[in-house]
Amino acid sequence: MGGKVLMLHFPLTYEGEKIFWKIDYYDRALKYGSEDPADPEQTTRVLTIMLASEY
């Protein structure tokens, strides 16, 4: 079934706007979390950037 989708999430502020960003670690098919997020052969990383006001 796949591993967990790990997420790193850190808020930051730029020109007065609070920005959220995160990195998710998926399997190569982008269906489940990666079994080994450190292994680039079986992991696809997805970066999401958004304004906090959009959350």
PDB file of N, CA and C in Angstrom:
ATOM      1  N   MET A   1       0.813  -1.195   0.000  1.00  0.00           N
ATOM      2  CA  MET A   1       0.000   0.000   0.000  1.00  0.00           C
ATOM      3  C   MET A   1       0.853   1.253   0.000  1.00  0.00           C
ATOM      4  N   GLY A   2       2.031   1.204   0.565  1.00  0.00           N
ATOM      5  CA  GLY A   2       2.882   2.391   0.531  1.00  0.00           C
ATOM      6  C   GLY A   2       3.138   2.943   1.904  1.00  0.00           C
ATOM      7  N   GLY A   3       4.124   3.798   1.982  1.00  0.00           N
ATOM      8  CA  GLY A   3       4.503   4.412   3.251  1.00  0.00           C
ATOM      9  C   GLY A   3       3.676   5.641   3.546  1.00  0.00           C
ATOM     10  N   LYS A   4       4.089   6.344   4.545  1.00  0.00           N
ATOM     11  CA  LYS A   4       3.388   7.567   4.939  1.00  0.00           C
ATOM     12  C   LYS A   4       3.801   8.711   4.030  1.00  0.00           C
ATOM     13  N   VAL A   5       2.897   9.666   3.861  1.00  0.00           N
ATOM     14  CA  VAL A   5       3.240  10.898   3.167  1.00  0.00           C
ATOM     15  C   VAL A   5       3.819  11.823   4.227  1.00  0.00           C
ATOM     16  N   LEU A   6       5.122  12.021   4.171  1.00  0.00           N
ATOM     17  CA  LEU A   6       5.786  12.884   5.134  1.00  0.00           C
ATOM     18  C   LEU A   6       5.674  14.323   4.679  1.00  0.00           C
ATOM     19  N   MET A   7       5.610  15.231   5.628  1.00  0.00           N
ATOM     20  CA  MET A   7       5.438  16.622   5.267  1.00  0.00           C
ATOM     21  C   MET A   7       6.323  17.496   6.142  1.00  0.00           C
ATOM     22  N   LEU A   8       7.052  18.394   5.526  1.00  0.00           N
ATOM     23  CA  LEU A   8       7.764  19.456   6.218  1.00  0.00           C
ATOM     24  C   LEU A   8       6.985  20.733   5.945  1.00  0.00           C
ATOM     25  N   HIS A   9       6.719  21.508   6.978  1.00  0.00           N
ATOM     26  CA  HIS A   9       5.865  22.685   6.818  1.00  0.00           C
ATOM     27  C   HIS A   9       6.445  23.805   7.670  1.00  0.00           C
ATOM     28  N   PHE A  10       6.813  24.905   7.028  1.00  0.00           N
ATOM     29  CA  PHE A  10       7.394  26.032   7.747  1.00  0.00           C
ATOM     30  C   PHE A  10       6.767  27.329   7.268  1.00  0.00           C
ATOM     31  N   PRO A  11       6.170  28.107   8.179  1.00  0.00           N
ATOM     32  CA  PRO A  11       5.635  29.408   7.758  1.00  0.00           C
ATOM     33  C   PRO A  11       6.771  30.429   7.632  1.00  0.00           C
ATOM     34  N   LEU A  12       6.603  31.383   6.742  1.00  0.00           N
ATOM     35  CA  LEU A  12       7.531  32.497   6.637  1.00  0.00           C
ATOM     36  C   LEU A  12       6.755  33.732   6.219  1.00  0.00           C
ATOM     37  N   THR A  13       7.371  34.890   6.331  1.00  0.00           N
ATOM     38  CA  THR A  13       6.712  36.138   5.964  1.00  0.00           C
ATOM     39  C   THR A  13       7.555  36.858   4.923  1.00  0.00           C
ATOM     40  N   TYR A  14       6.886  37.343   3.874  1.00  0.00           N
ATOM     41  CA  TYR A  14       7.554  38.093   2.822  1.00  0.00           C
ATOM     42  C   TYR A  14       6.709  39.304   2.487  1.00  0.00           C
ATOM     43  N   GLU A  15       7.285  40.487   2.613  1.00  0.00           N
ATOM     44  CA  GLU A  15       6.588  41.744   2.356  1.00  0.00           C
ATOM     45  C   GLU A  15       5.236  41.801   3.055  1.00  0.00           C
ATOM     46  N   GLY A  16       5.214  41.360   4.302  1.00  0.00           N
ATOM     47  CA  GLY A  16       4.003  41.419   5.118  1.00  0.00           C
ATOM     48  C   GLY A  16       3.021  40.287   4.899  1.00  0.00           C
ATOM     49  N   GLU A  17       3.266  39.427   3.927  1.00  0.00           N
ATOM     50  CA  GLU A  17       2.384  38.288   3.646  1.00  0.00           C
ATOM     51  C   GLU A  17       2.942  37.035   4.299  1.00  0.00           C
ATOM     52  N   LYS A  18       2.107  36.336   5.062  1.00  0.00           N
ATOM     53  CA  LYS A  18       2.514  35.065   5.633  1.00  0.00           C
ATOM     54  C   LYS A  18       2.369  33.985   4.562  1.00  0.00           C
ATOM     55  N   ILE A  19       3.423  33.200   4.383  1.00  0.00           N
ATOM     56  CA  ILE A  19       3.469  32.184   3.332  1.00  0.00           C
ATOM     57  C   ILE A  19       3.708  30.822   3.971  1.00  0.00           C
ATOM     58  N   PHE A  20       2.935  29.837   3.543  1.00  0.00           N
ATOM     59  CA  PHE A  20       3.134  28.458   3.963  1.00  0.00           C
ATOM     60  C   PHE A  20       3.775  27.693   2.807  1.00  0.00           C
ATOM     61  N   TRP A  21       4.668  26.791   3.136  1.00  0.00           N
ATOM     62  CA  TRP A  21       5.207  25.883   2.127  1.00  0.00           C
ATOM     63  C   TRP A  21       5.423  24.529   2.765  1.00  0.00           C
ATOM     64  N   LYS A  22       5.338  23.508   1.961  1.00  0.00           N
ATOM     65  CA  LYS A  22       5.530  22.155   2.470  1.00  0.00           C
ATOM     66  C   LYS A  22       6.109  21.272   1.374  1.00  0.00           C
ATOM     67  N   ILE A  23       6.749  20.208   1.800  1.00  0.00           N
ATOM     68  CA  ILE A  23       7.276  19.208   0.881  1.00  0.00           C
ATOM     69  C   ILE A  23       6.661  17.866   1.265  1.00  0.00           C
ATOM     70  N   ASP A  24       5.969  17.251   0.319  1.00  0.00           N
ATOM     71  CA  ASP A  24       5.392  15.923   0.528  1.00  0.00           C
ATOM     72  C   ASP A  24       6.249  14.910  -0.211  1.00  0.00           C
ATOM     73  N   TYR A  25       6.357  13.703   0.337  1.00  0.00           N
ATOM     74  CA  TYR A  25       7.188  12.643  -0.237  1.00  0.00           C
ATOM     75  C   TYR A  25       6.284  11.483  -0.662  1.00  0.00           C
ATOM     76  N   TYR A  26       6.073  11.340  -1.962  1.00  0.00           N
ATOM     77  CA  TYR A  26       5.190  10.324  -2.516  1.00  0.00           C
ATOM     78  C   TYR A  26       5.987   9.216  -3.212  1.00  0.00           C
ATOM     79  N   ASP A  27       5.287   8.096  -3.457  1.00  0.00           N
ATOM     80  CA  ASP A  27       5.884   7.063  -4.303  1.00  0.00           C
ATOM     81  C   ASP A  27       5.958   7.597  -5.734  1.00  0.00           C
ATOM     82  N   ARG A  28       6.603   6.867  -6.628  1.00  0.00           N
ATOM     83  CA  ARG A  28       6.809   7.355  -7.995  1.00  0.00           C
ATOM     84  C   ARG A  28       5.499   7.564  -8.759  1.00  0.00           C
ATOM     85  N   ALA A  29       4.448   6.854  -8.378  1.00  0.00           N
ATOM     86  CA  ALA A  29       3.149   6.991  -9.047  1.00  0.00           C
ATOM     87  C   ALA A  29       2.307   8.118  -8.453  1.00  0.00           C
ATOM     88  N   LEU A  30       2.804   8.772  -7.417  1.00  0.00           N
ATOM     89  CA  LEU A  30       2.087   9.852  -6.719  1.00  0.00           C
ATOM     90  C   LEU A  30       0.760   9.376  -6.128  1.00  0.00           C
ATOM     91  N   LYS A  31       0.713   8.094  -5.761  1.00  0.00           N
ATOM     92  CA  LYS A  31      -0.515   7.521  -5.224  1.00  0.00           C
ATOM     93  C   LYS A  31      -0.452   7.379  -3.710  1.00  0.00           C
ATOM     94  N   TYR A  32       0.700   6.966  -3.188  1.00  0.00           N
ATOM     95  CA  TYR A  32       0.881   6.743  -1.759  1.00  0.00           C
ATOM     96  C   TYR A  32       2.144   7.461  -1.292  1.00  0.00           C
ATOM     97  N   GLY A  33       2.357   7.444  -0.003  1.00  0.00           N
ATOM     98  CA  GLY A  33       3.599   7.977   0.530  1.00  0.00           C
ATOM     99  C   GLY A  33       4.756   7.060   0.189  1.00  0.00           C
ATOM    100  N   SER A  34       5.945   7.636   0.113  1.00  0.00           N
ATOM    101  CA  SER A  34       7.132   6.863  -0.229  1.00  0.00           C
ATOM    102  C   SER A  34       7.520   5.931   0.909  1.00  0.00           C
ATOM    103  N   GLU A  35       7.939   4.723   0.566  1.00  0.00           N
ATOM    104  CA  GLU A  35       8.442   3.770   1.563  1.00  0.00           C
ATOM    105  C   GLU A  35       9.745   4.284   2.172  1.00  0.00           C
ATOM    106  N   ASP A  36      10.557   4.962   1.360  1.00  0.00           N
ATOM    107  CA  ASP A  36      11.844   5.487   1.821  1.00  0.00           C
ATOM    108  C   ASP A  36      12.048   6.879   1.221  1.00  0.00           C
ATOM    109  N   PRO A  37      11.602   7.935   1.909  1.00  0.00           N
ATOM    110  CA  PRO A  37      11.688   9.292   1.369  1.00  0.00           C
ATOM    111  C   PRO A  37      13.102   9.736   1.004  1.00  0.00           C
ATOM    112  N   ALA A  38      14.126   9.119   1.582  1.00  0.00           N
ATOM    113  CA  ALA A  38      15.512   9.498   1.281  1.00  0.00           C
ATOM    114  C   ALA A  38      16.018   8.889  -0.021  1.00  0.00           C
ATOM    115  N   ASP A  39      15.280   7.944  -0.583  1.00  0.00           N
ATOM    116  CA  ASP A  39      15.707   7.255  -1.801  1.00  0.00           C
ATOM    117  C   ASP A  39      15.056   7.897  -3.025  1.00  0.00           C
ATOM    118  N   PRO A  40      15.815   8.650  -3.832  1.00  0.00           N
ATOM    119  CA  PRO A  40      15.235   9.311  -5.000  1.00  0.00           C
ATOM    120  C   PRO A  40      14.745   8.354  -6.086  1.00  0.00           C
ATOM    121  N   GLU A  41      15.173   7.096  -6.043  1.00  0.00           N
ATOM    122  CA  GLU A  41      14.710   6.111  -7.032  1.00  0.00           C
ATOM    123  C   GLU A  41      13.258   5.710  -6.806  1.00  0.00           C
ATOM    124  N   GLN A  42      12.754   5.888  -5.573  1.00  0.00           N
ATOM    125  CA  GLN A  42      11.373   5.500  -5.295  1.00  0.00           C
ATOM    126  C   GLN A  42      10.538   6.636  -4.710  1.00  0.00           C
ATOM    127  N   THR A  43      11.054   7.858  -4.787  1.00  0.00           N
ATOM    128  CA  THR A  43      10.364   8.989  -4.170  1.00  0.00           C
ATOM    129  C   THR A  43      10.215  10.140  -5.151  1.00  0.00           C
ATOM    130  N   THR A  44       9.026  10.730  -5.160  1.00  0.00           N
ATOM    131  CA  THR A  44       8.781  11.977  -5.874  1.00  0.00           C
ATOM    132  C   THR A  44       8.436  13.025  -4.836  1.00  0.00           C
ATOM    133  N   ARG A  45       9.165  14.123  -4.837  1.00  0.00           N
ATOM    134  CA  ARG A  45       8.912  15.197  -3.886  1.00  0.00           C
ATOM    135  C   ARG A  45       8.009  16.230  -4.547  1.00  0.00           C
ATOM    136  N   VAL A  46       7.023  16.706  -3.782  1.00  0.00           N
ATOM    137  CA  VAL A  46       6.084  17.703  -4.291  1.00  0.00           C
ATOM    138  C   VAL A  46       6.151  18.918  -3.376  1.00  0.00           C
ATOM    139  N   LEU A  47       6.491  20.070  -3.951  1.00  0.00           N
ATOM    140  CA  LEU A  47       6.569  21.324  -3.210  1.00  0.00           C
ATOM    141  C   LEU A  47       5.273  22.092  -3.415  1.00  0.00           C
ATOM    142  N   THR A  48       4.666  22.522  -2.304  1.00  0.00           N
ATOM    143  CA  THR A  48       3.445  23.341  -2.351  1.00  0.00           C
ATOM    144  C   THR A  48       3.754  24.665  -1.661  1.00  0.00           C
ATOM    145  N   ILE A  49       3.435  25.766  -2.329  1.00  0.00           N
ATOM    146  CA  ILE A  49       3.626  27.112  -1.782  1.00  0.00           C
ATOM    147  C   ILE A  49       2.292  27.832  -1.880  1.00  0.00           C
ATOM    148  N   MET A  50       1.885  28.488  -0.771  1.00  0.00           N
ATOM    149  CA  MET A  50       0.623  29.208  -0.801  1.00  0.00           C
ATOM    150  C   MET A  50       0.612  30.330   0.227  1.00  0.00           C
ATOM    151  N   LEU A  51      -0.224  31.322  -0.002  1.00  0.00           N
ATOM    152  CA  LEU A  51      -0.422  32.376   0.982  1.00  0.00           C
ATOM    153  C   LEU A  51      -1.255  31.821   2.132  1.00  0.00           C
ATOM    154  N   ALA A  52      -0.942  32.248   3.346  1.00  0.00           N
ATOM    155  CA  ALA A  52      -1.706  31.775   4.505  1.00  0.00           C
ATOM    156  C   ALA A  52      -3.166  32.177   4.387  1.00  0.00           C
ATOM    157  N   SER A  53      -3.438  33.287   3.754  1.00  0.00           N
ATOM    158  CA  SER A  53      -4.821  33.739   3.591  1.00  0.00           C
ATOM    159  C   SER A  53      -5.635  32.827   2.673  1.00  0.00           C
ATOM    160  N   GLU A  54      -4.968  31.972   1.902  1.00  0.00           N
ATOM    161  CA  GLU A  54      -5.657  31.035   1.019  1.00  0.00           C
ATOM    162  C   GLU A  54      -5.989  29.711   1.721  1.00  0.00           C
ATOM    163  N   TYR A  55      -5.440  29.530   2.916  1.00  0.00           N
ATOM    164  CA  TYR A  55      -5.605  28.269   3.608  1.00  0.00           C
ATOM    165  C   TYR A  55      -6.950  28.151   4.255  1.00  0.00           C
TER     166      TYR A  55
END
